Amino acid sequence: METFTKAIDAKGKVWTFKCSIRKKGHPKPVISKGWLAFVGSKKLKAGYKIRFYKENNKVSTATHVFRVQAEKEIKIFGAVLGYAPI
Protein backbone atom coordinates (compact mmCIF):
# COMPACT_ATOMS: atom_id res chain seq x y z
CA MET A 1 0.00 0.00 0.00
CA GLU A 2 1.36 3.41 -0.99
CA THR A 3 0.10 6.82 0.05
CA PHE A 4 1.27 10.36 -0.49
CA THR A 5 1.24 12.42 2.69
CA LYS A 6 1.63 16.16 2.99
CA ALA A 7 3.26 17.52 6.15
CA ILE A 8 3.96 21.11 7.19
CA ASP A 9 7.25 22.09 8.83
CA ALA A 10 7.82 24.78 11.50
CA LYS A 11 8.33 27.45 8.81
CA GLY A 12 5.04 26.61 7.08
CA LYS A 13 6.58 24.81 4.09
CA VAL A 14 4.49 21.90 2.83
CA TRP A 15 6.41 18.69 2.11
CA THR A 16 4.98 15.73 0.18
CA PHE A 17 6.26 12.29 1.15
CA LYS A 18 5.52 8.90 -0.38
CA CYS A 19 4.87 6.36 2.37
CA SER A 20 4.62 2.61 1.87
CA ILE A 21 4.92 -0.67 3.77
CA ARG A 22 7.73 -3.05 2.84
CA LYS A 23 6.51 -6.13 1.00
CA LYS A 24 9.52 -8.30 1.91
CA GLY A 25 11.19 -8.80 5.26
CA HIS A 26 10.00 -6.81 8.25
CA PRO A 27 6.76 -4.97 7.28
CA LYS A 28 7.63 -1.49 8.51
CA PRO A 29 6.75 1.93 7.07
CA VAL A 30 9.16 3.44 4.54
CA ILE A 31 9.31 7.10 3.49
CA SER A 32 10.70 7.56 0.01
CA LYS A 33 9.71 10.26 -2.49
CA GLY A 34 10.33 13.73 -1.06
CA TRP A 35 12.53 12.47 1.76
CA LEU A 36 15.91 13.36 0.23
CA ALA A 37 14.74 16.89 -0.59
CA PHE A 38 13.64 17.33 3.04
CA VAL A 39 16.95 15.97 4.39
CA GLY A 40 18.98 18.22 2.06
CA SER A 41 16.93 21.31 2.82
CA LYS A 42 17.28 20.87 6.58
CA LYS A 43 20.94 19.73 6.33
CA LEU A 44 20.11 16.75 8.53
CA LYS A 45 22.83 14.57 10.03
CA ALA A 46 22.95 11.20 11.76
CA GLY A 47 21.61 11.51 15.30
CA TYR A 48 18.99 14.16 14.50
CA LYS A 49 15.38 13.32 15.32
CA ILE A 50 12.43 13.67 12.98
CA ARG A 51 8.93 13.87 14.40
CA PHE A 52 5.75 13.38 12.41
CA TYR A 53 2.57 14.18 14.24
CA LYS A 54 -1.08 14.76 13.49
CA GLU A 55 -3.10 17.78 14.59
CA ASN A 56 -6.81 18.32 14.34
CA ASN A 57 -7.65 20.75 11.56
CA LYS A 58 -8.94 24.00 13.09
CA VAL A 59 -11.07 24.69 10.00
CA SER A 60 -12.67 21.26 9.56
CA THR A 61 -13.02 18.70 12.33
CA ALA A 62 -13.31 15.93 9.71
CA THR A 63 -9.69 16.27 8.52
CA HIS A 64 -6.24 16.36 10.06
CA VAL A 65 -3.08 18.37 9.45
CA PHE A 66 0.23 16.53 9.56
CA ARG A 67 3.34 18.27 10.89
CA VAL A 68 7.01 17.35 10.52
CA GLN A 69 9.75 18.67 12.77
CA ALA A 70 13.50 18.10 12.62
CA GLU A 71 15.49 18.35 15.86
CA LYS A 72 19.22 18.32 16.52
CA GLU A 73 21.07 17.09 19.59
CA ILE A 74 22.18 19.54 22.25
CA LYS A 75 25.44 18.28 23.74
CA ILE A 76 27.63 19.58 26.53
CA PHE A 77 30.93 17.81 27.18
CA GLY A 78 29.75 14.94 24.97
CA ALA A 79 26.53 14.31 26.93
CA VAL A 80 23.20 14.72 25.13
CA LEU A 81 21.03 17.09 27.17
CA GLY A 82 18.09 17.17 24.79
CA TYR A 83 17.00 18.23 21.32
CA ALA A 84 16.28 21.61 19.72
CA PRO A 85 14.09 22.28 16.67
CA ILE A 86 15.95 23.06 13.45
Foldseek 3Di string as FASTA:
>chain_A
DKDWDWAAEPVGDIFIWIWDFDPDDDGDIDTDPRVVVVCVVVVDDPQKDKDKDWAQDPVDNVDIHIHIWIWHFDDDPRDTPDTDTD
